[in-house]
């Protein structure tokens, strides 16, 4: 294990808070290339990778929102089940609900109610 702590994305606490508020169970994961979270909802578990939203005006050399080499290697070795990649709390709740097979309702960043119908 590296002697340096892995840096977590700044938006992760708000993502975790939203998932918990939606009645989901959340555990943080650690390790090289390992997704950030495991989320349990409706009796199923989902791997969730939290990424910083890309700010086109402030795009850094780190290319926010992209996978690292260690993440790509881990995901390739893991098999057909791929983590859900999210950048916002609303997106996290919506995508986990969608993956669990339920219709989701959420309020978008503009304050409008949105609904996703799962078919």
Foldseek 3Di string as FASTA:
>chain_A
DDPDADDADPQVVQLVVLLVVVVKDWDADDDFLAAGIWIDDPRDIAGEHEWADADPVPQDPVRTPDGDPRNVVVQVVVPDRHHHYDHHNQVSNCVVCLVVPHKDWDQDPVRDIDIRHRD
